[in-house]
Amino acid sequence: MEGFALNANAQKAKKHAMTILTVSDSLVTHESMSPEKRQTTFKNMMELALNVANKL
Protein backbone atom coordinates (compact mmCIF):
# COMPACT_ATOMS: atom_id res chain seq x y z
CA MET A 1 0.00 0.00 0.00
CA GLU A 2 2.70 2.47 0.96
CA GLY A 3 4.73 1.59 -2.13
CA PHE A 4 1.78 2.29 -4.41
CA ALA A 5 1.09 5.64 -2.71
CA LEU A 6 4.76 6.64 -2.92
CA ASN A 7 5.03 5.81 -6.62
CA ALA A 8 1.63 7.30 -7.52
CA ASN A 9 2.52 10.59 -5.84
CA ALA A 10 5.94 10.64 -7.46
CA GLN A 11 4.39 10.09 -10.88
CA LYS A 12 1.88 12.88 -10.29
CA ALA A 13 4.68 15.22 -9.20
CA LYS A 14 6.89 14.07 -12.12
CA LYS A 15 9.55 12.85 -9.66
CA HIS A 16 11.52 9.62 -9.35
CA ALA A 17 10.67 7.09 -6.65
CA MET A 18 11.37 3.46 -5.93
CA THR A 19 10.12 0.77 -3.64
CA ILE A 20 12.27 -2.11 -2.41
CA LEU A 21 10.51 -4.98 -0.68
CA THR A 22 12.06 -7.68 1.46
CA VAL A 23 10.09 -10.82 2.25
CA SER A 24 11.05 -12.67 5.42
CA ASP A 25 8.24 -15.22 5.80
CA SER A 26 6.44 -17.32 3.18
CA LEU A 27 2.72 -17.91 3.49
CA VAL A 28 3.02 -20.63 0.83
CA THR A 29 5.88 -22.76 2.19
CA HIS A 30 5.66 -21.54 5.81
CA GLU A 31 9.40 -20.91 5.81
CA SER A 32 10.70 -18.04 7.91
CA MET A 33 14.03 -16.40 8.63
CA SER A 34 15.75 -16.46 11.97
CA PRO A 35 15.84 -13.08 13.73
CA GLU A 36 19.58 -12.84 13.02
CA LYS A 37 19.18 -13.56 9.30
CA ARG A 38 16.23 -11.16 9.10
CA GLN A 39 18.33 -8.39 10.66
CA THR A 40 21.26 -9.03 8.30
CA THR A 41 19.03 -9.24 5.23
CA PHE A 42 17.16 -6.04 6.10
CA LYS A 43 20.48 -4.27 6.74
CA ASN A 44 21.71 -5.37 3.29
CA MET A 45 18.45 -4.18 1.71
CA MET A 46 18.76 -0.76 3.38
CA GLU A 47 22.38 -0.41 2.23
CA LEU A 48 21.34 -1.30 -1.32
CA ALA A 49 18.51 1.23 -1.21
CA LEU A 50 20.83 3.99 0.02
CA ASN A 51 23.43 3.19 -2.66
CA VAL A 52 20.79 3.29 -5.40
CA ALA A 53 19.27 6.51 -4.03
CA ASN A 54 22.71 8.17 -4.02
CA LYS A 55 23.05 7.42 -7.74
CA LEU A 56 19.74 9.03 -8.73
C-alpha atoms as a PDB file:
ATOM      1  CA  MET A   1       0.000   0.000   0.000  1.00  0.00           C
ATOM      2  CA  GLU A   2       2.705   2.472   0.955  1.00  0.00           C
ATOM      3  CA  GLY A   3       4.732   1.591  -2.128  1.00  0.00           C
ATOM      4  CA  PHE A   4       1.785   2.293  -4.411  1.00  0.00           C
ATOM      5  CA  ALA A   5       1.095   5.635  -2.714  1.00  0.00           C
ATOM      6  CA  LEU A   6       4.760   6.635  -2.925  1.00  0.00           C
ATOM      7  CA  ASN A   7       5.028   5.814  -6.623  1.00  0.00           C
ATOM      8  CA  ALA A   8       1.630   7.299  -7.524  1.00  0.00           C
ATOM      9  CA  ASN A   9       2.517  10.590  -5.836  1.00  0.00           C
ATOM     10  CA  ALA A  10       5.944  10.643  -7.459  1.00  0.00           C
ATOM     11  CA  GLN A  11       4.393  10.091 -10.882  1.00  0.00           C
ATOM     12  CA  LYS A  12       1.879  12.879 -10.293  1.00  0.00           C
ATOM     13  CA  ALA A  13       4.682  15.219  -9.205  1.00  0.00           C
ATOM     14  CA  LYS A  14       6.891  14.074 -12.117  1.00  0.00           C
ATOM     15  CA  LYS A  15       9.554  12.849  -9.659  1.00  0.00           C
ATOM     16  CA  HIS A  16      11.523   9.623  -9.348  1.00  0.00           C
ATOM     17  CA  ALA A  17      10.667   7.085  -6.653  1.00  0.00           C
ATOM     18  CA  MET A  18      11.373   3.465  -5.928  1.00  0.00           C
ATOM     19  CA  THR A  19      10.121   0.766  -3.638  1.00  0.00           C
ATOM     20  CA  ILE A  20      12.270  -2.112  -2.407  1.00  0.00           C
ATOM     21  CA  LEU A  21      10.512  -4.984  -0.683  1.00  0.00           C
ATOM     22  CA  THR A  22      12.064  -7.676   1.457  1.00  0.00           C
ATOM     23  CA  VAL A  23      10.089 -10.820   2.246  1.00  0.00           C
ATOM     24  CA  SER A  24      11.049 -12.674   5.418  1.00  0.00           C
ATOM     25  CA  ASP A  25       8.237 -15.215   5.800  1.00  0.00           C
ATOM     26  CA  SER A  26       6.441 -17.322   3.178  1.00  0.00           C
ATOM     27  CA  LEU A  27       2.722 -17.907   3.487  1.00  0.00           C
ATOM     28  CA  VAL A  28       3.020 -20.635   0.831  1.00  0.00           C
ATOM     29  CA  THR A  29       5.880 -22.755   2.194  1.00  0.00           C
ATOM     30  CA  HIS A  30       5.655 -21.545   5.809  1.00  0.00           C
ATOM     31  CA  GLU A  31       9.400 -20.911   5.808  1.00  0.00           C
ATOM     32  CA  SER A  32      10.696 -18.041   7.909  1.00  0.00           C
ATOM     33  CA  MET A  33      14.027 -16.400   8.631  1.00  0.00           C
ATOM     34  CA  SER A  34      15.750 -16.458  11.968  1.00  0.00           C
ATOM     35  CA  PRO A  35      15.842 -13.078  13.729  1.00  0.00           C
ATOM     36  CA  GLU A  36      19.585 -12.842  13.017  1.00  0.00           C
ATOM     37  CA  LYS A  37      19.184 -13.562   9.302  1.00  0.00           C
ATOM     38  CA  ARG A  38      16.231 -11.159   9.100  1.00  0.00           C
ATOM     39  CA  GLN A  39      18.329  -8.388  10.659  1.00  0.00           C
ATOM     40  CA  THR A  40      21.259  -9.032   8.299  1.00  0.00           C
ATOM     41  CA  THR A  41      19.026  -9.244   5.231  1.00  0.00           C
ATOM     42  CA  PHE A  42      17.160  -6.044   6.097  1.00  0.00           C
ATOM     43  CA  LYS A  43      20.476  -4.268   6.735  1.00  0.00           C
ATOM     44  CA  ASN A  44      21.712  -5.368   3.289  1.00  0.00           C
ATOM     45  CA  MET A  45      18.445  -4.179   1.711  1.00  0.00           C
ATOM     46  CA  MET A  46      18.763  -0.764   3.376  1.00  0.00           C
ATOM     47  CA  GLU A  47      22.384  -0.412   2.230  1.00  0.00           C
ATOM     48  CA  LEU A  48      21.344  -1.300  -1.325  1.00  0.00           C
ATOM     49  CA  ALA A  49      18.508   1.231  -1.207  1.00  0.00           C
ATOM     50  CA  LEU A  50      20.830   3.992   0.019  1.00  0.00           C
ATOM     51  CA  ASN A  51      23.426   3.185  -2.659  1.00  0.00           C
ATOM     52  CA  VAL A  52      20.790   3.293  -5.398  1.00  0.00           C
ATOM     53  CA  ALA A  53      19.271   6.512  -4.034  1.00  0.00           C
ATOM     54  CA  ASN A  54      22.709   8.168  -4.019  1.00  0.00           C
ATOM     55  CA  LYS A  55      23.055   7.423  -7.736  1.00  0.00           C
ATOM     56  CA  LEU A  56      19.745   9.029  -8.734  1.00  0.00           C
END
